[in-house]
Amino acid sequence: MIYQTQAHFDSFEKFNSHPHGWDVVFSSTATANYSATLYTSVAQGVIINTGEFSSATLQRGSAPTGMRTFAVPLAQEEPFLWRGQEVVRGSTMIFPVDRELFCVNSGGLDIFTLSVEQDVVDRLLASWDLDPLAVFSEARVGRIAPASEQRFYHQLS
């Protein structure tokens, strides 16, 4: 199955009632002027999402089951917290085995997520002599090298 969708929401209620593909609950202190846009692309074994959030948003839930998930902020006004770790532009978030999502942002956040079938990622890591269980044992926030960061953002724009 291959498909793409784009949805814009001009209210928090509409956004929160939309099926997101993740097991997640959203809340916001700024529901009156809330807007969000979601872009989703799905292909065999891969889910790509881009979310644009105009206001402060609390996200609690889980990334897709059976997949390894990575996230990169595309634009943000301020650092935000993900599972107790500060995330700034150029960070890469690696979701752990438990897939738990707990994120608080103050608004003005655009985020890119990539979920790939667990078996595919695990085989790739094993081919590099890396233990997938060690890599995904805990939530990690890493930094993209500056040259790679520029190429990455250029490709997405």
C-alpha atoms as a PDB file:
ATOM      1  CA  MET A   1       0.000   0.000   0.000  1.00  0.00           C
ATOM      2  CA  ILE A   2       1.348   3.413  -0.977  1.00  0.00           C
ATOM      3  CA  TYR A   3      -0.419   6.666  -0.177  1.00  0.00           C
ATOM      4  CA  GLN A   4       0.110  10.285   0.809  1.00  0.00           C
ATOM      5  CA  THR A   5      -2.123  12.652   2.725  1.00  0.00           C
ATOM      6  CA  GLN A   6      -2.048  16.244   3.846  1.00  0.00           C
ATOM      7  CA  ALA A   7      -4.424  17.676   6.422  1.00  0.00           C
ATOM      8  CA  HIS A   8      -4.632  21.157   7.925  1.00  0.00           C
ATOM      9  CA  PHE A   9      -6.504  21.817  11.156  1.00  0.00           C
ATOM     10  CA  ASP A  10      -7.659  25.235  12.302  1.00  0.00           C
ATOM     11  CA  SER A  11      -8.775  24.044  15.727  1.00  0.00           C
ATOM     12  CA  PHE A  12      -7.328  21.801  18.393  1.00  0.00           C
ATOM     13  CA  GLU A  13     -10.525  19.754  18.563  1.00  0.00           C
ATOM     14  CA  LYS A  14     -10.371  18.895  14.838  1.00  0.00           C
ATOM     15  CA  PHE A  15      -6.684  18.042  15.076  1.00  0.00           C
ATOM     16  CA  ASN A  16      -7.079  15.856  18.154  1.00  0.00           C
ATOM     17  CA  SER A  17      -9.984  13.879  16.647  1.00  0.00           C
ATOM     18  CA  HIS A  18      -8.051  13.098  13.428  1.00  0.00           C
ATOM     19  CA  PRO A  19      -6.546   9.568  13.141  1.00  0.00           C
ATOM     20  CA  HIS A  20      -2.776  10.163  13.311  1.00  0.00           C
ATOM     21  CA  GLY A  21      -1.456   6.628  12.810  1.00  0.00           C
ATOM     22  CA  TRP A  22       0.268   6.761  16.189  1.00  0.00           C
ATOM     23  CA  ASP A  23      -1.193   5.714  19.535  1.00  0.00           C
ATOM     24  CA  VAL A  24      -0.998   9.257  20.920  1.00  0.00           C
ATOM     25  CA  VAL A  25      -2.977  11.743  22.985  1.00  0.00           C
ATOM     26  CA  PHE A  26      -2.447  15.464  22.451  1.00  0.00           C
ATOM     27  CA  SER A  27      -3.213  18.315  24.815  1.00  0.00           C
ATOM     28  CA  SER A  28      -2.611  22.040  24.596  1.00  0.00           C
ATOM     29  CA  THR A  29      -2.951  25.121  26.767  1.00  0.00           C
ATOM     30  CA  ALA A  30      -3.574  27.253  23.659  1.00  0.00           C
ATOM     31  CA  THR A  31      -6.571  25.555  22.081  1.00  0.00           C
ATOM     32  CA  ALA A  32      -8.300  28.819  21.068  1.00  0.00           C
ATOM     33  CA  ASN A  33      -5.773  29.773  18.341  1.00  0.00           C
ATOM     34  CA  TYR A  34      -4.465  26.318  17.554  1.00  0.00           C
ATOM     35  CA  SER A  35      -3.464  25.206  14.077  1.00  0.00           C
ATOM     36  CA  ALA A  36      -1.583  22.186  12.834  1.00  0.00           C
ATOM     37  CA  THR A  37      -0.722  20.561   9.525  1.00  0.00           C
ATOM     38  CA  LEU A  38       0.155  16.907   9.021  1.00  0.00           C
ATOM     39  CA  TYR A  39       1.772  15.360   5.954  1.00  0.00           C
ATOM     40  CA  THR A  40       1.936  11.565   5.806  1.00  0.00           C
ATOM     41  CA  SER A  41       3.532   9.253   3.264  1.00  0.00           C
ATOM     42  CA  VAL A  42       3.231   5.485   3.601  1.00  0.00           C
ATOM     43  CA  ALA A  43       4.990   2.841   1.523  1.00  0.00           C
ATOM     44  CA  GLN A  44       5.717  -0.792   2.243  1.00  0.00           C
ATOM     45  CA  GLY A  45       7.505  -0.875   5.592  1.00  0.00           C
ATOM     46  CA  VAL A  46       7.972   2.910   5.864  1.00  0.00           C
ATOM     47  CA  ILE A  47       5.921   5.751   7.356  1.00  0.00           C
ATOM     48  CA  ILE A  48       7.085   9.354   6.936  1.00  0.00           C
ATOM     49  CA  ASN A  49       5.307  12.159   8.786  1.00  0.00           C
ATOM     50  CA  THR A  50       5.855  15.866   8.962  1.00  0.00           C
ATOM     51  CA  GLY A  51       3.906  17.813  11.559  1.00  0.00           C
ATOM     52  CA  GLU A  52       3.652  21.578  11.944  1.00  0.00           C
ATOM     53  CA  PHE A  53       2.356  22.767  15.320  1.00  0.00           C
ATOM     54  CA  SER A  54       1.595  26.466  15.862  1.00  0.00           C
ATOM     55  CA  SER A  55       0.983  26.326  19.610  1.00  0.00           C
ATOM     56  CA  ALA A  56       2.284  24.594  22.702  1.00  0.00           C
ATOM     57  CA  THR A  57       1.494  20.884  22.505  1.00  0.00           C
ATOM     58  CA  LEU A  58       1.943  17.977  24.896  1.00  0.00           C
ATOM     59  CA  GLN A  59       2.188  14.583  23.190  1.00  0.00           C
ATOM     60  CA  ARG A  60       1.848  11.306  25.129  1.00  0.00           C
ATOM     61  CA  GLY A  61       1.677   7.888  23.550  1.00  0.00           C
ATOM     62  CA  SER A  62       3.635   5.456  21.403  1.00  0.00           C
ATOM     63  CA  ALA A  63       5.313   5.369  18.016  1.00  0.00           C
ATOM     64  CA  PRO A  64       4.006   2.811  15.469  1.00  0.00           C
ATOM     65  CA  THR A  65       4.153  -0.838  16.564  1.00  0.00           C
ATOM     66  CA  GLY A  66       6.738  -3.106  14.897  1.00  0.00           C
ATOM     67  CA  MET A  67       8.782  -0.179  13.625  1.00  0.00           C
ATOM     68  CA  ARG A  68      11.941   1.698  14.567  1.00  0.00           C
ATOM     69  CA  THR A  69      11.236   5.418  14.720  1.00  0.00           C
ATOM     70  CA  PHE A  70      13.500   8.435  14.342  1.00  0.00           C
ATOM     71  CA  ALA A  71      12.549  12.117  14.514  1.00  0.00           C
ATOM     72  CA  VAL A  72      14.254  15.358  13.488  1.00  0.00           C
ATOM     73  CA  PRO A  73      12.978  18.885  14.225  1.00  0.00           C
ATOM     74  CA  LEU A  74      12.799  20.872  10.997  1.00  0.00           C
ATOM     75  CA  ALA A  75      12.062  24.269  12.479  1.00  0.00           C
ATOM     76  CA  GLN A  76      11.457  25.381  16.004  1.00  0.00           C
ATOM     77  CA  GLU A  77      11.455  28.630  17.900  1.00  0.00           C
ATOM     78  CA  GLU A  78      12.853  27.150  21.124  1.00  0.00           C
ATOM     79  CA  PRO A  79      14.367  23.899  22.364  1.00  0.00           C
ATOM     80  CA  PHE A  80      11.808  21.385  23.607  1.00  0.00           C
ATOM     81  CA  LEU A  81      11.791  18.345  25.878  1.00  0.00           C
ATOM     82  CA  TRP A  82      11.398  14.781  24.661  1.00  0.00           C
ATOM     83  CA  ARG A  83      11.477  12.116  27.366  1.00  0.00           C
ATOM     84  CA  GLY A  84      13.327  14.537  29.644  1.00  0.00           C
ATOM     85  CA  GLN A  85      16.017  15.367  27.083  1.00  0.00           C
ATOM     86  CA  GLU A  86      16.502  18.749  25.439  1.00  0.00           C
ATOM     87  CA  VAL A  87      16.056  18.754  21.669  1.00  0.00           C
ATOM     88  CA  VAL A  88      17.451  21.561  19.495  1.00  0.00           C
ATOM     89  CA  ARG A  89      17.676  22.051  15.739  1.00  0.00           C
ATOM     90  CA  GLY A  90      20.040  19.465  14.294  1.00  0.00           C
ATOM     91  CA  SER A  91      19.071  16.833  16.861  1.00  0.00           C
ATOM     92  CA  THR A  92      17.979  13.328  15.960  1.00  0.00           C
ATOM     93  CA  MET A  93      15.667  11.506  18.328  1.00  0.00           C
ATOM     94  CA  ILE A  94      15.891   7.719  18.386  1.00  0.00           C
ATOM     95  CA  PHE A  95      12.830   6.061  19.892  1.00  0.00           C
ATOM     96  CA  PRO A  96      13.608   3.132  22.199  1.00  0.00           C
ATOM     97  CA  VAL A  97      12.118  -0.363  22.121  1.00  0.00           C
ATOM     98  CA  ASP A  98       9.176   0.736  24.322  1.00  0.00           C
ATOM     99  CA  ARG A  99       8.259   3.351  21.612  1.00  0.00           C
ATOM    100  CA  GLU A 100       7.098   5.772  24.324  1.00  0.00           C
ATOM    101  CA  LEU A 101       6.459   9.323  23.222  1.00  0.00           C
ATOM    102  CA  PHE A 102       6.420  12.083  25.810  1.00  0.00           C
ATOM    103  CA  CYS A 103       7.127  15.472  24.296  1.00  0.00           C
ATOM    104  CA  VAL A 104       6.423  19.048  25.364  1.00  0.00           C
ATOM    105  CA  ASN A 105       6.987  21.901  22.925  1.00  0.00           C
ATOM    106  CA  SER A 106       6.174  25.580  23.249  1.00  0.00           C
ATOM    107  CA  GLY A 107       4.841  26.007  19.714  1.00  0.00           C
ATOM    108  CA  GLY A 108       6.359  26.897  16.391  1.00  0.00           C
ATOM    109  CA  LEU A 109       7.554  23.321  15.910  1.00  0.00           C
ATOM    110  CA  ASP A 110       7.896  21.466  12.613  1.00  0.00           C
ATOM    111  CA  ILE A 111       8.977  17.854  13.048  1.00  0.00           C
ATOM    112  CA  PHE A 112       9.931  15.053  10.642  1.00  0.00           C
ATOM    113  CA  THR A 113       9.471  11.418  11.715  1.00  0.00           C
ATOM    114  CA  LEU A 114      10.619   8.293   9.946  1.00  0.00           C
ATOM    115  CA  SER A 115       9.366   4.863  10.995  1.00  0.00           C
ATOM    116  CA  VAL A 116      10.880   1.812   9.314  1.00  0.00           C
ATOM    117  CA  GLU A 117       9.998  -1.851   9.826  1.00  0.00           C
ATOM    118  CA  GLN A 118      11.946  -3.140  12.792  1.00  0.00           C
ATOM    119  CA  ASP A 119      13.373  -6.165  10.931  1.00  0.00           C
ATOM    120  CA  VAL A 120      14.830  -3.976   8.164  1.00  0.00           C
ATOM    121  CA  VAL A 121      16.600  -1.637  10.600  1.00  0.00           C
ATOM    122  CA  ASP A 122      17.792  -4.501  12.806  1.00  0.00           C
ATOM    123  CA  ARG A 123      19.296  -6.374   9.840  1.00  0.00           C
ATOM    124  CA  LEU A 124      21.097  -3.205   8.717  1.00  0.00           C
ATOM    125  CA  LEU A 125      22.530  -2.615  12.187  1.00  0.00           C
ATOM    126  CA  ALA A 126      23.608  -6.249  12.468  1.00  0.00           C
ATOM    127  CA  SER A 127      25.439  -5.929   9.121  1.00  0.00           C
ATOM    128  CA  TRP A 128      27.441  -3.116  10.772  1.00  0.00           C
ATOM    129  CA  ASP A 129      28.157  -5.358  13.798  1.00  0.00           C
ATOM    130  CA  LEU A 130      25.833  -3.278  15.992  1.00  0.00           C
ATOM    131  CA  ASP A 131      23.408  -4.867  18.436  1.00  0.00           C
ATOM    132  CA  PRO A 132      19.913  -3.449  17.727  1.00  0.00           C
ATOM    133  CA  LEU A 133      18.798  -4.081  21.311  1.00  0.00           C
ATOM    134  CA  ALA A 134      21.715  -1.996  22.583  1.00  0.00           C
ATOM    135  CA  VAL A 135      21.040   0.806  20.075  1.00  0.00           C
ATOM    136  CA  PHE A 136      17.327   0.972  20.958  1.00  0.00           C
ATOM    137  CA  SER A 137      17.607   0.194  24.683  1.00  0.00           C
ATOM    138  CA  GLU A 138      16.866   3.793  25.673  1.00  0.00           C
ATOM    139  CA  ALA A 139      15.680   7.075  24.202  1.00  0.00           C
ATOM    140  CA  ARG A 140      18.569   8.902  22.587  1.00  0.00           C
ATOM    141  CA  VAL A 141      19.080  12.412  21.291  1.00  0.00           C
ATOM    142  CA  GLY A 142      22.040  12.808  18.973  1.00  0.00           C
ATOM    143  CA  ARG A 143      23.341  15.591  16.779  1.00  0.00           C
ATOM    144  CA  ILE A 144      23.559  15.606  12.999  1.00  0.00           C
ATOM    145  CA  ALA A 145      26.964  16.706  11.689  1.00  0.00           C
ATOM    146  CA  PRO A 146      26.677  20.333  10.410  1.00  0.00           C
ATOM    147  CA  ALA A 147      27.449  19.464   6.760  1.00  0.00           C
ATOM    148  CA  SER A 148      24.946  16.589   6.809  1.00  0.00           C
ATOM    149  CA  GLU A 149      22.400  18.788   8.572  1.00  0.00           C
ATOM    150  CA  GLN A 150      22.486  21.346   5.751  1.00  0.00           C
ATOM    151  CA  ARG A 151      22.066  18.640   3.072  1.00  0.00           C
ATOM    152  CA  PHE A 152      19.227  17.013   5.053  1.00  0.00           C
ATOM    153  CA  TYR A 153      17.245  20.242   5.436  1.00  0.00           C
ATOM    154  CA  HIS A 154      17.909  21.169   1.792  1.00  0.00           C
ATOM    155  CA  GLN A 155      16.506  17.821   0.625  1.00  0.00           C
ATOM    156  CA  LEU A 156      13.348  18.317   2.678  1.00  0.00           C
ATOM    157  CA  SER A 157      12.669  21.868   1.508  1.00  0.00           C
END
